[in-house]
Amino acid sequence: MHTVHADIDDPTLALLTVEEAARRLRIGRTLCFRLIRTGELESVPIGRLRRVPAAAISEYVTRLRATHKPTAIAV
């Protein structure tokens, strides 16, 4: 029997671990912590834990897309 971590990709999760958020963004854990530390990616503390709201992933990607719009290529 093989183990599948379906809960990591579960779209119904409200809060993600930093590792889950990093996986969704396809980045490393260290970079994800850096984005949290600089405030680029929202997170919330729960006791001694740090969680990323699932909606924060989409908001971060939207901001990235807005600031890095491709320039039009003259034909």
PDB file of N, CA and C in Angstrom:
ATOM      1  N   MET A   1       0.847  -1.183   0.000  1.00  0.00           N
ATOM      2  CA  MET A   1       0.000   0.000   0.000  1.00  0.00           C
ATOM      3  C   MET A   1       0.889   1.242   0.000  1.00  0.00           C
ATOM      4  N   HIS A   2       0.614   2.191  -0.868  1.00  0.00           N
ATOM      5  CA  HIS A   2       1.400   3.418  -0.909  1.00  0.00           C
ATOM      6  C   HIS A   2       0.662   4.537  -0.197  1.00  0.00           C
ATOM      7  N   THR A   3       1.421   5.445   0.391  1.00  0.00           N
ATOM      8  CA  THR A   3       0.849   6.558   1.138  1.00  0.00           C
ATOM      9  C   THR A   3       0.783   7.780   0.244  1.00  0.00           C
ATOM     10  N   VAL A   4      -0.371   8.394   0.189  1.00  0.00           N
ATOM     11  CA  VAL A   4      -0.550   9.617  -0.587  1.00  0.00           C
ATOM     12  C   VAL A   4      -0.905  10.728   0.387  1.00  0.00           C
ATOM     13  N   HIS A   5      -0.186  11.834   0.295  1.00  0.00           N
ATOM     14  CA  HIS A   5      -0.452  12.958   1.184  1.00  0.00           C
ATOM     15  C   HIS A   5      -1.470  13.888   0.543  1.00  0.00           C
ATOM     16  N   ALA A   6      -2.692  13.407   0.394  1.00  0.00           N
ATOM     17  CA  ALA A   6      -3.747  14.182  -0.251  1.00  0.00           C
ATOM     18  C   ALA A   6      -4.111  15.416   0.554  1.00  0.00           C
ATOM     19  N   ASP A   7      -3.912  15.369   1.882  1.00  0.00           N
ATOM     20  CA  ASP A   7      -4.282  16.507   2.727  1.00  0.00           C
ATOM     21  C   ASP A   7      -3.442  17.739   2.410  1.00  0.00           C
ATOM     22  N   ILE A   8      -2.228  17.574   1.894  1.00  0.00           N
ATOM     23  CA  ILE A   8      -1.383  18.718   1.562  1.00  0.00           C
ATOM     24  C   ILE A   8      -2.020  19.544   0.454  1.00  0.00           C
ATOM     25  N   ASP A   9      -2.635  18.887  -0.501  1.00  0.00           N
ATOM     26  CA  ASP A   9      -3.262  19.581  -1.622  1.00  0.00           C
ATOM     27  C   ASP A   9      -4.756  19.801  -1.416  1.00  0.00           C
ATOM     28  N   ASP A  10      -5.244  19.544  -0.224  1.00  0.00           N
ATOM     29  CA  ASP A  10      -6.666  19.698   0.093  1.00  0.00           C
ATOM     30  C   ASP A  10      -7.052  21.166   0.030  1.00  0.00           C
ATOM     31  N   PRO A  11      -7.879  21.551  -0.946  1.00  0.00           N
ATOM     32  CA  PRO A  11      -8.259  22.957  -1.083  1.00  0.00           C
ATOM     33  C   PRO A  11      -9.169  23.467   0.025  1.00  0.00           C
ATOM     34  N   THR A  12      -9.652  22.573   0.881  1.00  0.00           N
ATOM     35  CA  THR A  12     -10.548  23.008   1.953  1.00  0.00           C
ATOM     36  C   THR A  12      -9.802  23.415   3.219  1.00  0.00           C
ATOM     37  N   LEU A  13      -8.486  23.200   3.250  1.00  0.00           N
ATOM     38  CA  LEU A  13      -7.712  23.602   4.431  1.00  0.00           C
ATOM     39  C   LEU A  13      -7.661  25.124   4.534  1.00  0.00           C
ATOM     40  N   ALA A  14      -7.952  25.647   5.705  1.00  0.00           N
ATOM     41  CA  ALA A  14      -7.928  27.099   5.908  1.00  0.00           C
ATOM     42  C   ALA A  14      -6.522  27.601   6.210  1.00  0.00           C
ATOM     43  N   LEU A  15      -5.762  26.810   6.957  1.00  0.00           N
ATOM     44  CA  LEU A  15      -4.401  27.198   7.332  1.00  0.00           C
ATOM     45  C   LEU A  15      -3.431  26.099   6.910  1.00  0.00           C
ATOM     46  N   LEU A  16      -2.294  26.525   6.370  1.00  0.00           N
ATOM     47  CA  LEU A  16      -1.283  25.590   5.898  1.00  0.00           C
ATOM     48  C   LEU A  16      -0.031  25.712   6.740  1.00  0.00           C
ATOM     49  N   THR A  17       0.702  24.618   6.872  1.00  0.00           N
ATOM     50  CA  THR A  17       2.023  24.704   7.474  1.00  0.00           C
ATOM     51  C   THR A  17       2.916  25.444   6.478  1.00  0.00           C
ATOM     52  N   VAL A  18       4.056  25.894   6.931  1.00  0.00           N
ATOM     53  CA  VAL A  18       4.994  26.578   6.035  1.00  0.00           C
ATOM     54  C   VAL A  18       5.428  25.622   4.927  1.00  0.00           C
ATOM     55  N   GLU A  19       5.626  24.370   5.268  1.00  0.00           N
ATOM     56  CA  GLU A  19       6.023  23.375   4.274  1.00  0.00           C
ATOM     57  C   GLU A  19       4.938  23.183   3.217  1.00  0.00           C
ATOM     58  N   GLU A  20       3.675  23.136   3.641  1.00  0.00           N
ATOM     59  CA  GLU A  20       2.571  22.991   2.691  1.00  0.00           C
ATOM     60  C   GLU A  20       2.468  24.216   1.788  1.00  0.00           C
ATOM     61  N   ALA A  21       2.638  25.400   2.379  1.00  0.00           N
ATOM     62  CA  ALA A  21       2.594  26.637   1.584  1.00  0.00           C
ATOM     63  C   ALA A  21       3.727  26.649   0.567  1.00  0.00           C
ATOM     64  N   ALA A  22       4.913  26.244   0.999  1.00  0.00           N
ATOM     65  CA  ALA A  22       6.063  26.195   0.094  1.00  0.00           C
ATOM     66  C   ALA A  22       5.806  25.224  -1.048  1.00  0.00           C
ATOM     67  N   ARG A  23       5.220  24.094  -0.734  1.00  0.00           N
ATOM     68  CA  ARG A  23       4.924  23.105  -1.781  1.00  0.00           C
ATOM     69  C   ARG A  23       3.923  23.668  -2.788  1.00  0.00           C
ATOM     70  N   ARG A  24       2.899  24.346  -2.298  1.00  0.00           N
ATOM     71  CA  ARG A  24       1.914  24.934  -3.224  1.00  0.00           C
ATOM     72  C   ARG A  24       2.544  25.979  -4.126  1.00  0.00           C
ATOM     73  N   LEU A  25       3.500  26.722  -3.588  1.00  0.00           N
ATOM     74  CA  LEU A  25       4.189  27.754  -4.376  1.00  0.00           C
ATOM     75  C   LEU A  25       5.341  27.184  -5.192  1.00  0.00           C
ATOM     76  N   ARG A  26       5.656  25.913  -4.967  1.00  0.00           N
ATOM     77  CA  ARG A  26       6.776  25.248  -5.648  1.00  0.00           C
ATOM     78  C   ARG A  26       8.102  25.952  -5.357  1.00  0.00           C
ATOM     79  N   ILE A  27       8.277  26.311  -4.071  1.00  0.00           N
ATOM     80  CA  ILE A  27       9.522  26.934  -3.616  1.00  0.00           C
ATOM     81  C   ILE A  27      10.027  26.144  -2.413  1.00  0.00           C
ATOM     82  N   GLY A  28      11.217  26.444  -1.988  1.00  0.00           N
ATOM     83  CA  GLY A  28      11.783  25.767  -0.827  1.00  0.00           C
ATOM     84  C   GLY A  28      11.252  26.338   0.482  1.00  0.00           C
ATOM     85  N   ARG A  29      11.403  25.552   1.517  1.00  0.00           N
ATOM     86  CA  ARG A  29      10.957  25.933   2.853  1.00  0.00           C
ATOM     87  C   ARG A  29      11.674  27.190   3.340  1.00  0.00           C
ATOM     88  N   THR A  30      12.978  27.296   3.080  1.00  0.00           N
ATOM     89  CA  THR A  30      13.757  28.446   3.524  1.00  0.00           C
ATOM     90  C   THR A  30      13.267  29.725   2.854  1.00  0.00           C
ATOM     91  N   LEU A  31      13.018  29.677   1.560  1.00  0.00           N
ATOM     92  CA  LEU A  31      12.501  30.849   0.859  1.00  0.00           C
ATOM     93  C   LEU A  31      11.117  31.218   1.377  1.00  0.00           C
ATOM     94  N   CYS A  32      10.296  30.224   1.668  1.00  0.00           N
ATOM     95  CA  CYS A  32       8.957  30.494   2.196  1.00  0.00           C
ATOM     96  C   CYS A  32       9.057  31.217   3.543  1.00  0.00           C
ATOM     97  N   PHE A  33       9.963  30.760   4.416  1.00  0.00           N
ATOM     98  CA  PHE A  33      10.158  31.443   5.696  1.00  0.00           C
ATOM     99  C   PHE A  33      10.652  32.874   5.473  1.00  0.00           C
ATOM    100  N   ARG A  34      11.496  33.084   4.474  1.00  0.00           N
ATOM    101  CA  ARG A  34      11.989  34.437   4.175  1.00  0.00           C
ATOM    102  C   ARG A  34      10.831  35.338   3.719  1.00  0.00           C
ATOM    103  N   LEU A  35       9.945  34.819   2.885  1.00  0.00           N
ATOM    104  CA  LEU A  35       8.787  35.601   2.432  1.00  0.00           C
ATOM    105  C   LEU A  35       7.889  35.964   3.611  1.00  0.00           C
ATOM    106  N   ILE A  36       7.755  35.053   4.551  1.00  0.00           N
ATOM    107  CA  ILE A  36       6.958  35.318   5.754  1.00  0.00           C
ATOM    108  C   ILE A  36       7.645  36.384   6.604  1.00  0.00           C
ATOM    109  N   ARG A  37       8.949  36.224   6.813  1.00  0.00           N
ATOM    110  CA  ARG A  37       9.697  37.163   7.654  1.00  0.00           C
ATOM    111  C   ARG A  37       9.658  38.583   7.088  1.00  0.00           C
ATOM    112  N   THR A  38       9.710  38.726   5.755  1.00  0.00           N
ATOM    113  CA  THR A  38       9.694  40.055   5.136  1.00  0.00           C
ATOM    114  C   THR A  38       8.276  40.608   4.967  1.00  0.00           C
ATOM    115  N   GLY A  39       7.272  39.797   5.287  1.00  0.00           N
ATOM    116  CA  GLY A  39       5.897  40.261   5.169  1.00  0.00           C
ATOM    117  C   GLY A  39       5.302  40.105   3.782  1.00  0.00           C
ATOM    118  N   GLU A  40       6.040  39.499   2.874  1.00  0.00           N
ATOM    119  CA  GLU A  40       5.521  39.303   1.516  1.00  0.00           C
ATOM    120  C   GLU A  40       4.439  38.232   1.472  1.00  0.00           C
ATOM    121  N   LEU A  41       4.544  37.266   2.382  1.00  0.00           N
ATOM    122  CA  LEU A  41       3.555  36.201   2.478  1.00  0.00           C
ATOM    123  C   LEU A  41       2.968  36.245   3.881  1.00  0.00           C
ATOM    124  N   GLU A  42       1.659  36.397   3.948  1.00  0.00           N
ATOM    125  CA  GLU A  42       0.979  36.508   5.246  1.00  0.00           C
ATOM    126  C   GLU A  42       1.047  35.191   6.010  1.00  0.00           C
ATOM    127  N   SER A  43       1.213  35.318   7.308  1.00  0.00           N
ATOM    128  CA  SER A  43       1.149  34.144   8.182  1.00  0.00           C
ATOM    129  C   SER A  43       0.575  34.574   9.522  1.00  0.00           C
ATOM    130  N   VAL A  44       0.139  33.588  10.280  1.00  0.00           N
ATOM    131  CA  VAL A  44      -0.421  33.856  11.603  1.00  0.00           C
ATOM    132  C   VAL A  44       0.205  32.901  12.607  1.00  0.00           C
ATOM    133  N   PRO A  45       0.412  33.386  13.837  1.00  0.00           N
ATOM    134  CA  PRO A  45       0.930  32.479  14.869  1.00  0.00           C
ATOM    135  C   PRO A  45      -0.223  31.757  15.560  1.00  0.00           C
ATOM    136  N   ILE A  46       0.016  30.500  15.850  1.00  0.00           N
ATOM    137  CA  ILE A  46      -0.919  29.719  16.662  1.00  0.00           C
ATOM    138  C   ILE A  46      -0.053  29.062  17.723  1.00  0.00           C
ATOM    139  N   GLY A  47      -0.028  29.672  18.890  1.00  0.00           N
ATOM    140  CA  GLY A  47       0.893  29.217  19.923  1.00  0.00           C
ATOM    141  C   GLY A  47       2.317  29.423  19.430  1.00  0.00           C
ATOM    142  N   ARG A  48       3.103  28.364  19.409  1.00  0.00           N
ATOM    143  CA  ARG A  48       4.478  28.447  18.917  1.00  0.00           C
ATOM    144  C   ARG A  48       4.575  28.086  17.442  1.00  0.00           C
ATOM    145  N   LEU A  49       3.442  27.803  16.826  1.00  0.00           N
ATOM    146  CA  LEU A  49       3.415  27.400  15.418  1.00  0.00           C
ATOM    147  C   LEU A  49       3.189  28.596  14.508  1.00  0.00           C
ATOM    148  N   ARG A  50       3.553  28.469  13.273  1.00  0.00           N
ATOM    149  CA  ARG A  50       3.332  29.502  12.270  1.00  0.00           C
ATOM    150  C   ARG A  50       2.521  28.861  11.152  1.00  0.00           C
ATOM    151  N   ARG A  51       1.419  29.469  10.773  1.00  0.00           N
ATOM    152  CA  ARG A  51       0.553  28.936   9.712  1.00  0.00           C
ATOM    153  C   ARG A  51       0.299  30.010   8.665  1.00  0.00           C
ATOM    154  N   VAL A  52       0.114  29.573   7.436  1.00  0.00           N
ATOM    155  CA  VAL A  52      -0.151  30.467   6.312  1.00  0.00           C
ATOM    156  C   VAL A  52      -1.606  30.269   5.897  1.00  0.00           C
ATOM    157  N   PRO A  53      -2.414  31.337   5.935  1.00  0.00           N
ATOM    158  CA  PRO A  53      -3.795  31.200   5.455  1.00  0.00           C
ATOM    159  C   PRO A  53      -3.777  30.785   3.980  1.00  0.00           C
ATOM    160  N   ALA A  54      -4.630  29.838   3.620  1.00  0.00           N
ATOM    161  CA  ALA A  54      -4.659  29.351   2.242  1.00  0.00           C
ATOM    162  C   ALA A  54      -4.886  30.495   1.253  1.00  0.00           C
ATOM    163  N   ALA A  55      -5.719  31.454   1.633  1.00  0.00           N
ATOM    164  CA  ALA A  55      -5.994  32.591   0.745  1.00  0.00           C
ATOM    165  C   ALA A  55      -4.755  33.454   0.518  1.00  0.00           C
ATOM    166  N   ALA A  56      -3.811  33.427   1.452  1.00  0.00           N
ATOM    167  CA  ALA A  56      -2.592  34.235   1.327  1.00  0.00           C
ATOM    168  C   ALA A  56      -1.739  33.779   0.151  1.00  0.00           C
ATOM    169  N   ILE A  57      -1.848  32.505  -0.211  1.00  0.00           N
ATOM    170  CA  ILE A  57      -1.092  31.983  -1.355  1.00  0.00           C
ATOM    171  C   ILE A  57      -1.569  32.670  -2.634  1.00  0.00           C
ATOM    172  N   SER A  58      -2.876  32.699  -2.834  1.00  0.00           N
ATOM    173  CA  SER A  58      -3.441  33.338  -4.030  1.00  0.00           C
ATOM    174  C   SER A  58      -3.147  34.828  -4.048  1.00  0.00           C
ATOM    175  N   GLU A  59      -3.249  35.472  -2.890  1.00  0.00           N
ATOM    176  CA  GLU A  59      -2.983  36.907  -2.810  1.00  0.00           C
ATOM    177  C   GLU A  59      -1.527  37.212  -3.164  1.00  0.00           C
ATOM    178  N   TYR A  60      -0.605  36.385  -2.687  1.00  0.00           N
ATOM    179  CA  TYR A  60       0.810  36.564  -2.996  1.00  0.00           C
ATOM    180  C   TYR A  60       1.058  36.422  -4.506  1.00  0.00           C
ATOM    181  N   VAL A  61       0.471  35.395  -5.098  1.00  0.00           N
ATOM    182  CA  VAL A  61       0.646  35.174  -6.540  1.00  0.00           C
ATOM    183  C   VAL A  61       0.041  36.328  -7.338  1.00  0.00           C
ATOM    184  N   THR A  62      -1.097  36.841  -6.910  1.00  0.00           N
ATOM    185  CA  THR A  62      -1.718  37.979  -7.586  1.00  0.00           C
ATOM    186  C   THR A  62      -0.811  39.198  -7.539  1.00  0.00           C
ATOM    187  N   ARG A  63      -0.208  39.461  -6.375  1.00  0.00           N
ATOM    188  CA  ARG A  63       0.729  40.589  -6.264  1.00  0.00           C
ATOM    189  C   ARG A  63       1.960  40.385  -7.140  1.00  0.00           C
ATOM    190  N   LEU A  64       2.465  39.169  -7.180  1.00  0.00           N
ATOM    191  CA  LEU A  64       3.611  38.874  -8.046  1.00  0.00           C
ATOM    192  C   LEU A  64       3.276  39.159  -9.513  1.00  0.00           C
ATOM    193  N   ARG A  65       2.118  38.699  -9.927  1.00  0.00           N
ATOM    194  CA  ARG A  65       1.710  38.891 -11.316  1.00  0.00           C
ATOM    195  C   ARG A  65       1.529  40.365 -11.641  1.00  0.00           C
ATOM    196  N   ALA A  66       1.011  41.133 -10.691  1.00  0.00           N
ATOM    197  CA  ALA A  66       0.781  42.570 -10.919  1.00  0.00           C
ATOM    198  C   ALA A  66       2.093  43.329 -11.022  1.00  0.00           C
ATOM    199  N   THR A  67       3.084  42.932 -10.232  1.00  0.00           N
ATOM    200  CA  THR A  67       4.359  43.666 -10.238  1.00  0.00           C
ATOM    201  C   THR A  67       5.298  43.179 -11.331  1.00  0.00           C
ATOM    202  N   HIS A  68       5.044  42.017 -11.879  1.00  0.00           N
ATOM    203  CA  HIS A  68       5.930  41.469 -12.903  1.00  0.00           C
ATOM    204  C   HIS A  68       5.186  41.224 -14.201  1.00  0.00           C
ATOM    205  N   LYS A  69       4.357  42.183 -14.578  1.00  0.00           N
ATOM    206  CA  LYS A  69       3.622  42.042 -15.831  1.00  0.00           C
ATOM    207  C   LYS A  69       4.617  42.034 -16.984  1.00  0.00           C
ATOM    208  N   PRO A  70       4.420  41.134 -17.933  1.00  0.00           N
ATOM    209  CA  PRO A  70       5.324  41.109 -19.080  1.00  0.00           C
ATOM    210  C   PRO A  70       5.149  42.369 -19.924  1.00  0.00           C
ATOM    211  N   THR A  71       6.230  42.843 -20.444  1.00  0.00           N
ATOM    212  CA  THR A  71       6.162  44.013 -21.312  1.00  0.00           C
ATOM    213  C   THR A  71       5.751  43.580 -22.705  1.00  0.00           C
ATOM    214  N   ALA A  72       5.045  44.463 -23.363  1.00  0.00           N
ATOM    215  CA  ALA A  72       4.600  44.168 -24.728  1.00  0.00           C
ATOM    216  C   ALA A  72       5.798  44.176 -25.656  1.00  0.00           C
ATOM    217  N   ILE A  73       5.835  43.235 -26.540  1.00  0.00           N
ATOM    218  CA  ILE A  73       6.931  43.154 -27.504  1.00  0.00           C
ATOM    219  C   ILE A  73       6.453  43.794 -28.809  1.00  0.00           C
ATOM    220  N   ALA A  74       7.199  44.784 -29.254  1.00  0.00           N
ATOM    221  CA  ALA A  74       6.848  45.451 -30.516  1.00  0.00           C
ATOM    222  C   ALA A  74       7.118  44.509 -31.671  1.00  0.00           C
ATOM    223  N   VAL A  75       6.143  44.436 -32.571  1.00  0.00           N
ATOM    224  CA  VAL A  75       6.282  43.553 -33.728  1.00  0.00           C
ATOM    225  C   VAL A  75       6.574  44.347 -34.964  1.00  0.00           C
TER     226      VAL A  75
END
